[in-house]
Amino acid sequence: MIADDREFQRRKTELEEKLERLESERASLMTEVEGLRQRRTLLELEKKSSSLQATVDMLKMEKTDLEGQIASIEGTQ
């Protein structure tokens, strides 16, 4: 019985220590995962913003060109 008690205590201690390590690792991973999700979101938004900015810039140039063409046509009439 004494050996069983010692084995129980040893095993119990091992499992408690393992649980503490796993809880700590879980907390750390949850923090890292949230940070990575936020980083991914920012990168996706930056990519969309850049793409939209390029489209807006192109449309501004086209508008300017069209206004110039219209002014030229109106000036020749």
N, C-alpha and C. Protein backbone atom coordinates (compact mmCIF):
# COMPACT_ATOMS: atom_id res chain seq x y z
N MET A 1 0.82 -1.19 0.00
CA MET A 1 0.00 0.00 0.00
C MET A 1 0.87 1.26 0.00
N ILE A 2 1.96 1.24 0.71
CA ILE A 2 2.85 2.40 0.74
C ILE A 2 3.38 2.66 -0.67
N ALA A 3 3.75 1.61 -1.37
CA ALA A 3 4.25 1.77 -2.74
C ALA A 3 3.16 2.35 -3.62
N ASP A 4 1.92 1.90 -3.43
CA ASP A 4 0.81 2.43 -4.21
C ASP A 4 0.59 3.92 -3.92
N ASP A 5 0.71 4.31 -2.68
CA ASP A 5 0.56 5.72 -2.31
C ASP A 5 1.67 6.57 -2.94
N ARG A 6 2.90 6.05 -2.90
CA ARG A 6 4.01 6.79 -3.51
C ARG A 6 3.83 6.89 -5.02
N GLU A 7 3.40 5.81 -5.62
CA GLU A 7 3.17 5.81 -7.07
C GLU A 7 2.04 6.78 -7.42
N PHE A 8 1.00 6.78 -6.62
CA PHE A 8 -0.11 7.71 -6.83
C PHE A 8 0.38 9.15 -6.74
N GLN A 9 1.12 9.48 -5.70
CA GLN A 9 1.61 10.84 -5.50
C GLN A 9 2.55 11.26 -6.64
N ARG A 10 3.44 10.34 -7.04
CA ARG A 10 4.36 10.63 -8.13
C ARG A 10 3.59 10.91 -9.42
N ARG A 11 2.65 10.05 -9.72
CA ARG A 11 1.86 10.19 -10.95
C ARG A 11 1.00 11.45 -10.90
N LYS A 12 0.42 11.71 -9.75
CA LYS A 12 -0.41 12.89 -9.56
C LYS A 12 0.42 14.16 -9.78
N THR A 13 1.60 14.19 -9.20
CA THR A 13 2.49 15.34 -9.37
C THR A 13 2.88 15.52 -10.83
N GLU A 14 3.21 14.43 -11.50
CA GLU A 14 3.57 14.50 -12.93
C GLU A 14 2.42 15.09 -13.75
N LEU A 15 1.23 14.61 -13.49
CA LEU A 15 0.08 15.07 -14.25
C LEU A 15 -0.27 16.53 -13.94
N GLU A 16 -0.14 16.93 -12.71
CA GLU A 16 -0.39 18.32 -12.35
C GLU A 16 0.62 19.25 -13.02
N GLU A 17 1.87 18.83 -13.04
CA GLU A 17 2.90 19.62 -13.71
C GLU A 17 2.64 19.71 -15.21
N LYS A 18 2.22 18.58 -15.78
CA LYS A 18 1.91 18.56 -17.21
C LYS A 18 0.74 19.50 -17.51
N LEU A 19 -0.28 19.47 -16.65
CA LEU A 19 -1.42 20.36 -16.84
C LEU A 19 -1.00 21.82 -16.78
N GLU A 20 -0.14 22.16 -15.85
CA GLU A 20 0.34 23.54 -15.73
C GLU A 20 1.10 23.97 -16.99
N ARG A 21 1.98 23.07 -17.49
CA ARG A 21 2.72 23.38 -18.71
C ARG A 21 1.78 23.58 -19.90
N LEU A 22 0.80 22.68 -20.00
CA LEU A 22 -0.14 22.77 -21.12
C LEU A 22 -1.01 24.02 -21.04
N GLU A 23 -1.44 24.39 -19.85
CA GLU A 23 -2.22 25.60 -19.67
C GLU A 23 -1.40 26.83 -20.07
N SER A 24 -0.16 26.83 -19.66
CA SER A 24 0.73 27.94 -20.00
C SER A 24 0.95 28.02 -21.51
N GLU A 25 1.19 26.87 -22.12
CA GLU A 25 1.40 26.83 -23.57
C GLU A 25 0.14 27.26 -24.32
N ARG A 26 -1.01 26.81 -23.84
CA ARG A 26 -2.28 27.18 -24.46
C ARG A 26 -2.47 28.70 -24.41
N ALA A 27 -2.23 29.30 -23.27
CA ALA A 27 -2.38 30.74 -23.12
C ALA A 27 -1.43 31.48 -24.07
N SER A 28 -0.21 31.01 -24.14
CA SER A 28 0.78 31.62 -25.03
C SER A 28 0.35 31.50 -26.49
N LEU A 29 -0.11 30.32 -26.88
CA LEU A 29 -0.54 30.09 -28.26
C LEU A 29 -1.76 30.92 -28.61
N MET A 30 -2.69 31.05 -27.67
CA MET A 30 -3.87 31.85 -27.92
C MET A 30 -3.49 33.30 -28.19
N THR A 31 -2.53 33.81 -27.44
CA THR A 31 -2.05 35.18 -27.64
C THR A 31 -1.38 35.30 -29.01
N GLU A 32 -0.54 34.35 -29.35
CA GLU A 32 0.15 34.38 -30.64
C GLU A 32 -0.83 34.28 -31.80
N VAL A 33 -1.80 33.39 -31.67
CA VAL A 33 -2.79 33.20 -32.73
C VAL A 33 -3.59 34.48 -32.94
N GLU A 34 -4.00 35.13 -31.87
CA GLU A 34 -4.75 36.39 -32.00
C GLU A 34 -3.90 37.45 -32.68
N GLY A 35 -2.64 37.53 -32.31
CA GLY A 35 -1.74 38.49 -32.95
C GLY A 35 -1.58 38.21 -34.44
N LEU A 36 -1.46 36.93 -34.79
CA LEU A 36 -1.33 36.56 -36.19
C LEU A 36 -2.61 36.86 -36.98
N ARG A 37 -3.75 36.63 -36.35
CA ARG A 37 -5.02 36.96 -37.01
C ARG A 37 -5.11 38.46 -37.28
N GLN A 38 -4.71 39.26 -36.30
CA GLN A 38 -4.74 40.70 -36.47
C GLN A 38 -3.78 41.14 -37.58
N ARG A 39 -2.61 40.55 -37.60
CA ARG A 39 -1.62 40.88 -38.64
C ARG A 39 -2.16 40.53 -40.02
N ARG A 40 -2.78 39.33 -40.13
CA ARG A 40 -3.36 38.91 -41.41
C ARG A 40 -4.43 39.89 -41.86
N THR A 41 -5.28 40.31 -40.93
CA THR A 41 -6.34 41.27 -41.26
C THR A 41 -5.76 42.57 -41.79
N LEU A 42 -4.73 43.08 -41.11
CA LEU A 42 -4.09 44.31 -41.57
C LEU A 42 -3.48 44.15 -42.96
N LEU A 43 -2.81 43.03 -43.18
CA LEU A 43 -2.20 42.80 -44.49
C LEU A 43 -3.26 42.72 -45.59
N GLU A 44 -4.37 42.05 -45.31
CA GLU A 44 -5.45 41.96 -46.30
C GLU A 44 -6.03 43.34 -46.59
N LEU A 45 -6.23 44.15 -45.54
CA LEU A 45 -6.77 45.49 -45.73
C LEU A 45 -5.80 46.38 -46.50
N GLU A 46 -4.50 46.26 -46.21
CA GLU A 46 -3.50 47.03 -46.94
C GLU A 46 -3.49 46.66 -48.41
N LYS A 47 -3.62 45.36 -48.70
CA LYS A 47 -3.64 44.90 -50.09
C LYS A 47 -4.86 45.46 -50.82
N LYS A 48 -6.03 45.39 -50.18
CA LYS A 48 -7.25 45.92 -50.80
C LYS A 48 -7.13 47.43 -50.99
N SER A 49 -6.58 48.10 -50.00
CA SER A 49 -6.41 49.55 -50.09
C SER A 49 -5.50 49.93 -51.24
N SER A 50 -4.40 49.22 -51.40
CA SER A 50 -3.47 49.50 -52.50
C SER A 50 -4.13 49.29 -53.86
N SER A 51 -4.88 48.22 -53.96
CA SER A 51 -5.57 47.92 -55.21
C SER A 51 -6.60 49.00 -55.53
N LEU A 52 -7.36 49.38 -54.52
CA LEU A 52 -8.37 50.41 -54.73
C LEU A 52 -7.73 51.76 -55.05
N GLN A 53 -6.61 52.05 -54.40
CA GLN A 53 -5.91 53.31 -54.67
C GLN A 53 -5.44 53.36 -56.12
N ALA A 54 -4.93 52.24 -56.62
CA ALA A 54 -4.48 52.18 -58.01
C ALA A 54 -5.65 52.43 -58.96
N THR A 55 -6.81 51.87 -58.65
CA THR A 55 -8.00 52.08 -59.48
C THR A 55 -8.44 53.54 -59.45
N VAL A 56 -8.45 54.12 -58.26
CA VAL A 56 -8.83 55.53 -58.11
C VAL A 56 -7.86 56.42 -58.89
N ASP A 57 -6.57 56.15 -58.76
CA ASP A 57 -5.58 56.95 -59.48
C ASP A 57 -5.78 56.86 -61.00
N MET A 58 -6.07 55.65 -61.47
CA MET A 58 -6.29 55.45 -62.91
C MET A 58 -7.54 56.23 -63.36
N LEU A 59 -8.60 56.17 -62.56
CA LEU A 59 -9.82 56.88 -62.92
C LEU A 59 -9.62 58.40 -62.89
N LYS A 60 -8.83 58.89 -61.96
CA LYS A 60 -8.53 60.33 -61.91
C LYS A 60 -7.80 60.77 -63.18
N MET A 61 -6.84 59.95 -63.62
CA MET A 61 -6.09 60.26 -64.85
C MET A 61 -7.03 60.25 -66.05
N GLU A 62 -7.90 59.25 -66.09
CA GLU A 62 -8.85 59.17 -67.21
C GLU A 62 -9.79 60.37 -67.20
N LYS A 63 -10.25 60.77 -66.02
CA LYS A 63 -11.13 61.94 -65.91
C LYS A 63 -10.43 63.19 -66.44
N THR A 64 -9.17 63.37 -66.01
CA THR A 64 -8.41 64.53 -66.45
C THR A 64 -8.25 64.51 -67.97
N ASP A 65 -7.91 63.35 -68.54
CA ASP A 65 -7.77 63.23 -70.00
C ASP A 65 -9.08 63.55 -70.71
N LEU A 66 -10.18 63.01 -70.20
CA LEU A 66 -11.48 63.26 -70.83
C LEU A 66 -11.87 64.72 -70.75
N GLU A 67 -11.61 65.35 -69.60
CA GLU A 67 -11.90 66.78 -69.46
C GLU A 67 -11.07 67.59 -70.46
N GLY A 68 -9.81 67.20 -70.63
CA GLY A 68 -8.96 67.88 -71.61
C GLY A 68 -9.46 67.70 -73.02
N GLN A 69 -9.89 66.49 -73.36
CA GLN A 69 -10.42 66.23 -74.69
C GLN A 69 -11.70 67.02 -74.94
N ILE A 70 -12.57 67.07 -73.93
CA ILE A 70 -13.82 67.81 -74.06
C ILE A 70 -13.53 69.30 -74.24
N ALA A 71 -12.62 69.82 -73.44
CA ALA A 71 -12.25 71.23 -73.55
C ALA A 71 -11.68 71.52 -74.94
N SER A 72 -10.90 70.61 -75.46
CA SER A 72 -10.31 70.80 -76.78
C SER A 72 -11.39 70.79 -77.86
N ILE A 73 -12.30 69.86 -77.75
CA ILE A 73 -13.40 69.77 -78.74
C ILE A 73 -14.28 71.01 -78.65
N GLU A 74 -14.61 71.43 -77.43
CA GLU A 74 -15.45 72.61 -77.26
C GLU A 74 -14.74 73.87 -77.77
N GLY A 75 -13.44 73.90 -77.62
CA GLY A 75 -12.68 75.06 -78.08
C GLY A 75 -12.59 75.17 -79.58
N THR A 76 -12.77 74.08 -80.28
CA THR A 76 -12.68 74.11 -81.74
C THR A 76 -14.03 74.39 -82.37
N GLN A 77 -15.05 74.47 -81.60
CA GLN A 77 -16.40 74.67 -82.18
C GLN A 77 -16.71 76.11 -82.40
